[in-house]
Amino acid sequence: MQPEVAQVLAIQALGWIAADDEIFPQFLASTGASLGDLRARAADTEFLAAVLDFLMLDDRWVVAFCDAGGHAYTAPQSARAALPGGAELHWT
């Protein structure tokens, strides 16, 4: 996946997360982001990578996001690999 396509998918994921009253507070708490951060960093590739990392914490979220947007279930993982740090594996 091209980085530009990955960024678009991550922005879509951010919108999906923000629209969910149950998941959005978890996202804010997990990332430490504020609403101002979302506005300021929505185009930042490192922030978008964190959005995808968060989304992929729960398979149910991935399935729901992909179903809502008509994406393949592997799309978030492919997008994450195309963004900064995506090739790095962390086993901790």
PDB file of N, CA and C in Angstrom:
ATOM      1  N   MET A   1       0.850  -1.177   0.000  1.00  0.00           N
ATOM      2  CA  MET A   1       0.000   0.000   0.000  1.00  0.00           C
ATOM      3  C   MET A   1       0.895   1.239   0.000  1.00  0.00           C
ATOM      4  N   GLN A   2       0.520   2.189  -0.812  1.00  0.00           N
ATOM      5  CA  GLN A   2       1.259   3.445  -0.884  1.00  0.00           C
ATOM      6  C   GLN A   2       0.998   4.281   0.374  1.00  0.00           C
ATOM      7  N   PRO A   3       2.001   5.029   0.838  1.00  0.00           N
ATOM      8  CA  PRO A   3       1.818   5.832   2.056  1.00  0.00           C
ATOM      9  C   PRO A   3       0.636   6.798   1.983  1.00  0.00           C
ATOM     10  N   GLU A   4       0.386   7.369   0.820  1.00  0.00           N
ATOM     11  CA  GLU A   4      -0.728   8.315   0.697  1.00  0.00           C
ATOM     12  C   GLU A   4      -2.067   7.614   0.911  1.00  0.00           C
ATOM     13  N   VAL A   5      -2.191   6.405   0.382  1.00  0.00           N
ATOM     14  CA  VAL A   5      -3.416   5.624   0.557  1.00  0.00           C
ATOM     15  C   VAL A   5      -3.555   5.220   2.027  1.00  0.00           C
ATOM     16  N   ALA A   6      -2.434   4.860   2.645  1.00  0.00           N
ATOM     17  CA  ALA A   6      -2.434   4.485   4.061  1.00  0.00           C
ATOM     18  C   ALA A   6      -2.886   5.656   4.931  1.00  0.00           C
ATOM     19  N   GLN A   7      -2.440   6.865   4.588  1.00  0.00           N
ATOM     20  CA  GLN A   7      -2.841   8.040   5.350  1.00  0.00           C
ATOM     21  C   GLN A   7      -4.344   8.273   5.249  1.00  0.00           C
ATOM     22  N   VAL A   8      -4.890   8.112   4.062  1.00  0.00           N
ATOM     23  CA  VAL A   8      -6.340   8.295   3.874  1.00  0.00           C
ATOM     24  C   VAL A   8      -7.102   7.268   4.704  1.00  0.00           C
ATOM     25  N   LEU A   9      -6.663   6.024   4.680  1.00  0.00           N
ATOM     26  CA  LEU A   9      -7.337   4.988   5.453  1.00  0.00           C
ATOM     27  C   LEU A   9      -7.243   5.293   6.953  1.00  0.00           C
ATOM     28  N   ALA A  10      -6.104   5.765   7.400  1.00  0.00           N
ATOM     29  CA  ALA A  10      -5.939   6.100   8.817  1.00  0.00           C
ATOM     30  C   ALA A  10      -6.825   7.278   9.216  1.00  0.00           C
ATOM     31  N   ILE A  11      -6.970   8.246   8.345  1.00  0.00           N
ATOM     32  CA  ILE A  11      -7.867   9.377   8.626  1.00  0.00           C
ATOM     33  C   ILE A  11      -9.313   8.882   8.701  1.00  0.00           C
ATOM     34  N   GLN A  12      -9.675   7.958   7.820  1.00  0.00           N
ATOM     35  CA  GLN A  12     -11.011   7.359   7.884  1.00  0.00           C
ATOM     36  C   GLN A  12     -11.194   6.609   9.204  1.00  0.00           C
ATOM     37  N   ALA A  13     -10.155   5.905   9.630  1.00  0.00           N
ATOM     38  CA  ALA A  13     -10.227   5.186  10.909  1.00  0.00           C
ATOM     39  C   ALA A  13     -10.397   6.165  12.063  1.00  0.00           C
ATOM     40  N   LEU A  14      -9.684   7.281  12.011  1.00  0.00           N
ATOM     41  CA  LEU A  14      -9.819   8.297  13.058  1.00  0.00           C
ATOM     42  C   LEU A  14     -11.253   8.810  13.105  1.00  0.00           C
ATOM     43  N   GLY A  15     -11.835   9.069  11.952  1.00  0.00           N
ATOM     44  CA  GLY A  15     -13.231   9.515  11.910  1.00  0.00           C
ATOM     45  C   GLY A  15     -14.180   8.474  12.462  1.00  0.00           C
ATOM     46  N   TRP A  16     -13.934   7.212  12.140  1.00  0.00           N
ATOM     47  CA  TRP A  16     -14.770   6.122  12.644  1.00  0.00           C
ATOM     48  C   TRP A  16     -14.655   6.019  14.160  1.00  0.00           C
ATOM     49  N   ILE A  17     -13.436   6.104  14.672  1.00  0.00           N
ATOM     50  CA  ILE A  17     -13.214   6.048  16.118  1.00  0.00           C
ATOM     51  C   ILE A  17     -13.901   7.223  16.800  1.00  0.00           C
ATOM     52  N   ALA A  18     -13.732   8.418  16.241  1.00  0.00           N
ATOM     53  CA  ALA A  18     -14.307   9.621  16.855  1.00  0.00           C
ATOM     54  C   ALA A  18     -15.828   9.589  16.874  1.00  0.00           C
ATOM     55  N   ALA A  19     -16.429   8.874  15.944  1.00  0.00           N
ATOM     56  CA  ALA A  19     -17.893   8.804  15.874  1.00  0.00           C
ATOM     57  C   ALA A  19     -18.487   7.778  16.837  1.00  0.00           C
ATOM     58  N   ASP A  20     -17.644   6.981  17.467  1.00  0.00           N
ATOM     59  CA  ASP A  20     -18.141   5.937  18.363  1.00  0.00           C
ATOM     60  C   ASP A  20     -18.027   6.399  19.810  1.00  0.00           C
ATOM     61  N   ASP A  21     -19.170   6.573  20.468  1.00  0.00           N
ATOM     62  CA  ASP A  21     -19.193   7.104  21.835  1.00  0.00           C
ATOM     63  C   ASP A  21     -18.526   6.190  22.860  1.00  0.00           C
ATOM     64  N   GLU A  22     -18.399   4.921  22.550  1.00  0.00           N
ATOM     65  CA  GLU A  22     -17.760   3.987  23.475  1.00  0.00           C
ATOM     66  C   GLU A  22     -16.250   3.880  23.240  1.00  0.00           C
ATOM     67  N   ILE A  23     -15.855   3.863  21.980  1.00  0.00           N
ATOM     68  CA  ILE A  23     -14.442   3.673  21.638  1.00  0.00           C
ATOM     69  C   ILE A  23     -13.650   4.976  21.744  1.00  0.00           C
ATOM     70  N   PHE A  24     -14.248   6.087  21.375  1.00  0.00           N
ATOM     71  CA  PHE A  24     -13.520   7.358  21.341  1.00  0.00           C
ATOM     72  C   PHE A  24     -12.896   7.737  22.689  1.00  0.00           C
ATOM     73  N   PRO A  25     -13.614   7.643  23.801  1.00  0.00           N
ATOM     74  CA  PRO A  25     -12.965   7.962  25.082  1.00  0.00           C
ATOM     75  C   PRO A  25     -11.778   7.034  25.381  1.00  0.00           C
ATOM     76  N   GLN A  26     -11.884   5.779  24.970  1.00  0.00           N
ATOM     77  CA  GLN A  26     -10.777   4.840  25.158  1.00  0.00           C
ATOM     78  C   GLN A  26      -9.566   5.273  24.330  1.00  0.00           C
ATOM     79  N   PHE A  27      -9.833   5.747  23.122  1.00  0.00           N
ATOM     80  CA  PHE A  27      -8.753   6.235  22.258  1.00  0.00           C
ATOM     81  C   PHE A  27      -8.044   7.421  22.899  1.00  0.00           C
ATOM     82  N   LEU A  28      -8.828   8.384  23.386  1.00  0.00           N
ATOM     83  CA  LEU A  28      -8.235   9.562  24.013  1.00  0.00           C
ATOM     84  C   LEU A  28      -7.406   9.166  25.235  1.00  0.00           C
ATOM     85  N   ALA A  29      -7.934   8.274  26.054  1.00  0.00           N
ATOM     86  CA  ALA A  29      -7.212   7.841  27.254  1.00  0.00           C
ATOM     87  C   ALA A  29      -5.956   7.049  26.890  1.00  0.00           C
ATOM     88  N   SER A  30      -6.059   6.210  25.894  1.00  0.00           N
ATOM     89  CA  SER A  30      -4.932   5.360  25.497  1.00  0.00           C
ATOM     90  C   SER A  30      -3.795   6.166  24.882  1.00  0.00           C
ATOM     91  N   THR A  31      -4.140   7.138  24.058  1.00  0.00           N
ATOM     92  CA  THR A  31      -3.115   7.918  23.361  1.00  0.00           C
ATOM     93  C   THR A  31      -2.687   9.158  24.125  1.00  0.00           C
ATOM     94  N   GLY A  32      -3.507   9.584  25.071  1.00  0.00           N
ATOM     95  CA  GLY A  32      -3.206  10.827  25.778  1.00  0.00           C
ATOM     96  C   GLY A  32      -3.519  12.051  24.932  1.00  0.00           C
ATOM     97  N   ALA A  33      -4.191  11.852  23.817  1.00  0.00           N
ATOM     98  CA  ALA A  33      -4.517  12.953  22.912  1.00  0.00           C
ATOM     99  C   ALA A  33      -5.720  13.732  23.428  1.00  0.00           C
ATOM    100  N   SER A  34      -5.729  15.009  23.112  1.00  0.00           N
ATOM    101  CA  SER A  34      -6.881  15.860  23.408  1.00  0.00           C
ATOM    102  C   SER A  34      -7.598  16.149  22.091  1.00  0.00           C
ATOM    103  N   LEU A  35      -8.745  16.783  22.167  1.00  0.00           N
ATOM    104  CA  LEU A  35      -9.449  17.154  20.941  1.00  0.00           C
ATOM    105  C   LEU A  35      -8.604  18.101  20.099  1.00  0.00           C
ATOM    106  N   GLY A  36      -7.881  18.983  20.747  1.00  0.00           N
ATOM    107  CA  GLY A  36      -6.982  19.892  20.036  1.00  0.00           C
ATOM    108  C   GLY A  36      -5.873  19.132  19.318  1.00  0.00           C
ATOM    109  N   ASP A  37      -5.366  18.098  19.961  1.00  0.00           N
ATOM    110  CA  ASP A  37      -4.342  17.264  19.328  1.00  0.00           C
ATOM    111  C   ASP A  37      -4.880  16.616  18.061  1.00  0.00           C
ATOM    112  N   LEU A  38      -6.119  16.161  18.119  1.00  0.00           N
ATOM    113  CA  LEU A  38      -6.718  15.523  16.946  1.00  0.00           C
ATOM    114  C   LEU A  38      -6.756  16.482  15.769  1.00  0.00           C
ATOM    115  N   ARG A  39      -7.167  17.693  16.040  1.00  0.00           N
ATOM    116  CA  ARG A  39      -7.236  18.693  14.969  1.00  0.00           C
ATOM    117  C   ARG A  39      -5.840  19.039  14.456  1.00  0.00           C
ATOM    118  N   ALA A  40      -4.917  19.215  15.360  1.00  0.00           N
ATOM    119  CA  ALA A  40      -3.573  19.647  14.988  1.00  0.00           C
ATOM    120  C   ALA A  40      -2.749  18.546  14.324  1.00  0.00           C
ATOM    121  N   ARG A  41      -3.004  17.310  14.690  1.00  0.00           N
ATOM    122  CA  ARG A  41      -2.125  16.230  14.226  1.00  0.00           C
ATOM    123  C   ARG A  41      -2.793  15.242  13.271  1.00  0.00           C
ATOM    124  N   ALA A  42      -3.984  15.564  12.789  1.00  0.00           N
ATOM    125  CA  ALA A  42      -4.716  14.632  11.929  1.00  0.00           C
ATOM    126  C   ALA A  42      -3.978  14.294  10.644  1.00  0.00           C
ATOM    127  N   ALA A  43      -3.060  15.120  10.215  1.00  0.00           N
ATOM    128  CA  ALA A  43      -2.296  14.836   8.996  1.00  0.00           C
ATOM    129  C   ALA A  43      -0.882  14.342   9.303  1.00  0.00           C
ATOM    130  N   ASP A  44      -0.544  14.216  10.566  1.00  0.00           N
ATOM    131  CA  ASP A  44       0.784  13.765  10.984  1.00  0.00           C
ATOM    132  C   ASP A  44       0.865  12.246  10.852  1.00  0.00           C
ATOM    133  N   THR A  45       1.798  11.758  10.043  1.00  0.00           N
ATOM    134  CA  THR A  45       1.863  10.319   9.782  1.00  0.00           C
ATOM    135  C   THR A  45       2.145   9.500  11.036  1.00  0.00           C
ATOM    136  N   GLU A  46       2.911  10.031  11.964  1.00  0.00           N
ATOM    137  CA  GLU A  46       3.168   9.291  13.209  1.00  0.00           C
ATOM    138  C   GLU A  46       1.900   9.187  14.052  1.00  0.00           C
ATOM    139  N   PHE A  47       1.109  10.237  14.095  1.00  0.00           N
ATOM    140  CA  PHE A  47      -0.166  10.196  14.815  1.00  0.00           C
ATOM    141  C   PHE A  47      -1.122   9.218  14.137  1.00  0.00           C
ATOM    142  N   LEU A  48      -1.160   9.253  12.811  1.00  0.00           N
ATOM    143  CA  LEU A  48      -2.037   8.340  12.083  1.00  0.00           C
ATOM    144  C   LEU A  48      -1.620   6.888  12.294  1.00  0.00           C
ATOM    145  N   ALA A  49      -0.326   6.655  12.431  1.00  0.00           N
ATOM    146  CA  ALA A  49       0.142   5.302  12.742  1.00  0.00           C
ATOM    147  C   ALA A  49      -0.400   4.871  14.103  1.00  0.00           C
ATOM    148  N   ALA A  50      -0.416   5.796  15.067  1.00  0.00           N
ATOM    149  CA  ALA A  50      -0.952   5.487  16.392  1.00  0.00           C
ATOM    150  C   ALA A  50      -2.453   5.197  16.328  1.00  0.00           C
ATOM    151  N   VAL A  51      -3.150   5.882  15.446  1.00  0.00           N
ATOM    152  CA  VAL A  51      -4.583   5.611  15.255  1.00  0.00           C
ATOM    153  C   VAL A  51      -4.785   4.168  14.811  1.00  0.00           C
ATOM    154  N   LEU A  52      -3.997   3.740  13.834  1.00  0.00           N
ATOM    155  CA  LEU A  52      -4.128   2.359  13.348  1.00  0.00           C
ATOM    156  C   LEU A  52      -3.689   1.352  14.401  1.00  0.00           C
ATOM    157  N   ASP A  53      -2.646   1.682  15.145  1.00  0.00           N
ATOM    158  CA  ASP A  53      -2.213   0.791  16.238  1.00  0.00           C
ATOM    159  C   ASP A  53      -3.357   0.592  17.225  1.00  0.00           C
ATOM    160  N   PHE A  54      -4.024   1.683  17.571  1.00  0.00           N
ATOM    161  CA  PHE A  54      -5.144   1.595  18.505  1.00  0.00           C
ATOM    162  C   PHE A  54      -6.275   0.760  17.917  1.00  0.00           C
ATOM    163  N   LEU A  55      -6.650   1.045  16.684  1.00  0.00           N
ATOM    164  CA  LEU A  55      -7.736   0.305  16.039  1.00  0.00           C
ATOM    165  C   LEU A  55      -7.470  -1.197  16.058  1.00  0.00           C
ATOM    166  N   MET A  56      -6.223  -1.568  15.823  1.00  0.00           N
ATOM    167  CA  MET A  56      -5.893  -2.989  15.720  1.00  0.00           C
ATOM    168  C   MET A  56      -5.745  -3.678  17.072  1.00  0.00           C
ATOM    169  N   LEU A  57      -5.993  -2.962  18.159  1.00  0.00           N
ATOM    170  CA  LEU A  57      -5.981  -3.582  19.480  1.00  0.00           C
ATOM    171  C   LEU A  57      -7.140  -4.561  19.665  1.00  0.00           C
ATOM    172  N   ASP A  58      -8.198  -4.387  18.886  1.00  0.00           N
ATOM    173  CA  ASP A  58      -9.382  -5.223  19.054  1.00  0.00           C
ATOM    174  C   ASP A  58      -9.896  -5.651  17.680  1.00  0.00           C
ATOM    175  N   ASP A  59      -9.936  -6.935  17.454  1.00  0.00           N
ATOM    176  CA  ASP A  59     -10.398  -7.457  16.165  1.00  0.00           C
ATOM    177  C   ASP A  59     -11.824  -7.011  15.837  1.00  0.00           C
ATOM    178  N   ARG A  60     -12.650  -6.866  16.857  1.00  0.00           N
ATOM    179  CA  ARG A  60     -14.031  -6.420  16.618  1.00  0.00           C
ATOM    180  C   ARG A  60     -14.054  -5.019  16.029  1.00  0.00           C
ATOM    181  N   TRP A  61     -13.135  -4.162  16.490  1.00  0.00           N
ATOM    182  CA  TRP A  61     -13.054  -2.802  15.951  1.00  0.00           C
ATOM    183  C   TRP A  61     -12.612  -2.839  14.493  1.00  0.00           C
ATOM    184  N   VAL A  62     -11.627  -3.673  14.200  1.00  0.00           N
ATOM    185  CA  VAL A  62     -11.140  -3.787  12.821  1.00  0.00           C
ATOM    186  C   VAL A  62     -12.272  -4.228  11.908  1.00  0.00           C
ATOM    187  N   VAL A  63     -12.979  -5.256  12.310  1.00  0.00           N
ATOM    188  CA  VAL A  63     -14.082  -5.771  11.492  1.00  0.00           C
ATOM    189  C   VAL A  63     -15.155  -4.701  11.310  1.00  0.00           C
ATOM    190  N   ALA A  64     -15.534  -4.027  12.374  1.00  0.00           N
ATOM    191  CA  ALA A  64     -16.579  -3.005  12.281  1.00  0.00           C
ATOM    192  C   ALA A  64     -16.141  -1.840  11.401  1.00  0.00           C
ATOM    193  N   PHE A  65     -14.909  -1.387  11.572  1.00  0.00           N
ATOM    194  CA  PHE A  65     -14.390  -0.293  10.736  1.00  0.00           C
ATOM    195  C   PHE A  65     -14.361  -0.707   9.270  1.00  0.00           C
ATOM    196  N   CYS A  66     -13.832  -1.882   8.999  1.00  0.00           N
ATOM    197  CA  CYS A  66     -13.723  -2.349   7.611  1.00  0.00           C
ATOM    198  C   CYS A  66     -15.100  -2.569   6.988  1.00  0.00           C
ATOM    199  N   ASP A  67     -16.026  -3.131   7.748  1.00  0.00           N
ATOM    200  CA  ASP A  67     -17.387  -3.314   7.246  1.00  0.00           C
ATOM    201  C   ASP A  67     -18.035  -1.965   6.928  1.00  0.00           C
ATOM    202  N   ALA A  68     -17.845  -0.995   7.799  1.00  0.00           N
ATOM    203  CA  ALA A  68     -18.448   0.324   7.601  1.00  0.00           C
ATOM    204  C   ALA A  68     -17.878   1.035   6.383  1.00  0.00           C
ATOM    205  N   GLY A  69     -16.587   0.833   6.117  1.00  0.00           N
ATOM    206  CA  GLY A  69     -15.944   1.543   5.014  1.00  0.00           C
ATOM    207  C   GLY A  69     -15.756   0.732   3.756  1.00  0.00           C
ATOM    208  N   GLY A  70     -16.166  -0.534   3.780  1.00  0.00           N
ATOM    209  CA  GLY A  70     -16.001  -1.376   2.606  1.00  0.00           C
ATOM    210  C   GLY A  70     -14.558  -1.764   2.339  1.00  0.00           C
ATOM    211  N   HIS A  71     -13.761  -1.861   3.406  1.00  0.00           N
ATOM    212  CA  HIS A  71     -12.347  -2.216   3.280  1.00  0.00           C
ATOM    213  C   HIS A  71     -12.147  -3.708   3.545  1.00  0.00           C
ATOM    214  N   ALA A  72     -11.091  -4.243   2.972  1.00  0.00           N
ATOM    215  CA  ALA A  72     -10.681  -5.608   3.315  1.00  0.00           C
ATOM    216  C   ALA A  72     -10.237  -5.613   4.770  1.00  0.00           C
ATOM    217  N   TYR A  73     -10.424  -6.725   5.453  1.00  0.00           N
ATOM    218  CA  TYR A  73     -10.043  -6.802   6.867  1.00  0.00           C
ATOM    219  C   TYR A  73      -8.544  -6.640   7.076  1.00  0.00           C
ATOM    220  N   THR A  74      -7.770  -6.845   6.046  1.00  0.00           N
ATOM    221  CA  THR A  74      -6.313  -6.683   6.145  1.00  0.00           C
ATOM    222  C   THR A  74      -5.859  -5.242   5.858  1.00  0.00           C
ATOM    223  N   ALA A  75      -6.770  -4.381   5.460  1.00  0.00           N
ATOM    224  CA  ALA A  75      -6.404  -3.013   5.082  1.00  0.00           C
ATOM    225  C   ALA A  75      -5.740  -2.226   6.212  1.00  0.00           C
ATOM    226  N   PRO A  76      -6.253  -2.257   7.447  1.00  0.00           N
ATOM    227  CA  PRO A  76      -5.571  -1.502   8.502  1.00  0.00           C
ATOM    228  C   PRO A  76      -4.127  -1.962   8.728  1.00  0.00           C
ATOM    229  N   GLN A  77      -3.895  -3.257   8.691  1.00  0.00           N
ATOM    230  CA  GLN A  77      -2.541  -3.768   8.878  1.00  0.00           C
ATOM    231  C   GLN A  77      -1.640  -3.350   7.715  1.00  0.00           C
ATOM    232  N   SER A  78      -2.146  -3.411   6.500  1.00  0.00           N
ATOM    233  CA  SER A  78      -1.363  -2.979   5.335  1.00  0.00           C
ATOM    234  C   SER A  78      -1.058  -1.494   5.408  1.00  0.00           C
ATOM    235  N   ALA A  79      -2.039  -0.714   5.835  1.00  0.00           N
ATOM    236  CA  ALA A  79      -1.830   0.727   5.971  1.00  0.00           C
ATOM    237  C   ALA A  79      -0.799   1.016   7.054  1.00  0.00           C
ATOM    238  N   ARG A  80      -0.889   0.295   8.150  1.00  0.00           N
ATOM    239  CA  ARG A  80       0.068   0.511   9.243  1.00  0.00           C
ATOM    240  C   ARG A  80       1.486   0.221   8.789  1.00  0.00           C
ATOM    241  N   ALA A  81       1.657  -0.818   7.989  1.00  0.00           N
ATOM    242  CA  ALA A  81       2.993  -1.178   7.501  1.00  0.00           C
ATOM    243  C   ALA A  81       3.557  -0.099   6.581  1.00  0.00           C
ATOM    244  N   ALA A  82       2.693   0.687   5.945  1.00  0.00           N
ATOM    245  CA  ALA A  82       3.136   1.729   5.022  1.00  0.00           C
ATOM    246  C   ALA A  82       3.460   3.050   5.720  1.00  0.00           C
ATOM    247  N   LEU A  83       3.125   3.158   7.001  1.00  0.00           N
ATOM    248  CA  LEU A  83       3.376   4.393   7.753  1.00  0.00           C
ATOM    249  C   LEU A  83       4.633   4.244   8.601  1.00  0.00           C
ATOM    250  N   PRO A  84       5.169   5.358   9.118  1.00  0.00           N
ATOM    251  CA  PRO A  84       6.412   5.298   9.902  1.00  0.00           C
ATOM    252  C   PRO A  84       6.336   4.278  11.036  1.00  0.00           C
ATOM    253  N   GLY A  85       7.381   3.472  11.132  1.00  0.00           N
ATOM    254  CA  GLY A  85       7.471   2.473  12.187  1.00  0.00           C
ATOM    255  C   GLY A  85       6.715   1.210  11.896  1.00  0.00           C
ATOM    256  N   GLY A  86       6.059   1.126  10.767  1.00  0.00           N
ATOM    257  CA  GLY A  86       5.242  -0.029  10.439  1.00  0.00           C
ATOM    258  C   GLY A  86       6.027  -1.301  10.207  1.00  0.00           C
ATOM    259  N   ALA A  87       7.261  -1.158   9.806  1.00  0.00           N
ATOM    260  CA  ALA A  87       8.078  -2.341   9.535  1.00  0.00           C
ATOM    261  C   ALA A  87       8.740  -2.877  10.796  1.00  0.00           C
ATOM    262  N   GLU A  88       8.723  -2.092  11.853  1.00  0.00           N
ATOM    263  CA  GLU A  88       9.359  -2.507  13.104  1.00  0.00           C
ATOM    264  C   GLU A  88       8.449  -3.424  13.895  1.00  0.00           C
ATOM    265  N   LEU A  89       9.016  -4.479  14.453  1.00  0.00           N
ATOM    266  CA  LEU A  89       8.253  -5.390  15.312  1.00  0.00           C
ATOM    267  C   LEU A  89       8.636  -5.150  16.754  1.00  0.00           C
ATOM    268  N   HIS A  90       7.634  -5.059  17.611  1.00  0.00           N
ATOM    269  CA  HIS A  90       7.862  -4.867  19.039  1.00  0.00           C
ATOM    270  C   HIS A  90       7.166  -6.013  19.758  1.00  0.00           C
ATOM    271  N   TRP A  91       7.921  -6.844  20.408  1.00  0.00           N
ATOM    272  CA  TRP A  91       7.367  -8.028  21.051  1.00  0.00           C
ATOM    273  C   TRP A  91       7.223  -7.860  22.562  1.00  0.00           C
ATOM    274  N   THR A  92       7.076  -6.633  23.011  1.00  0.00           N
ATOM    275  CA  THR A  92       6.912  -6.410  24.449  1.00  0.00           C
ATOM    276  C   THR A  92       5.492  -6.110  24.790  1.00  0.00           C
TER     277      THR A  92
END
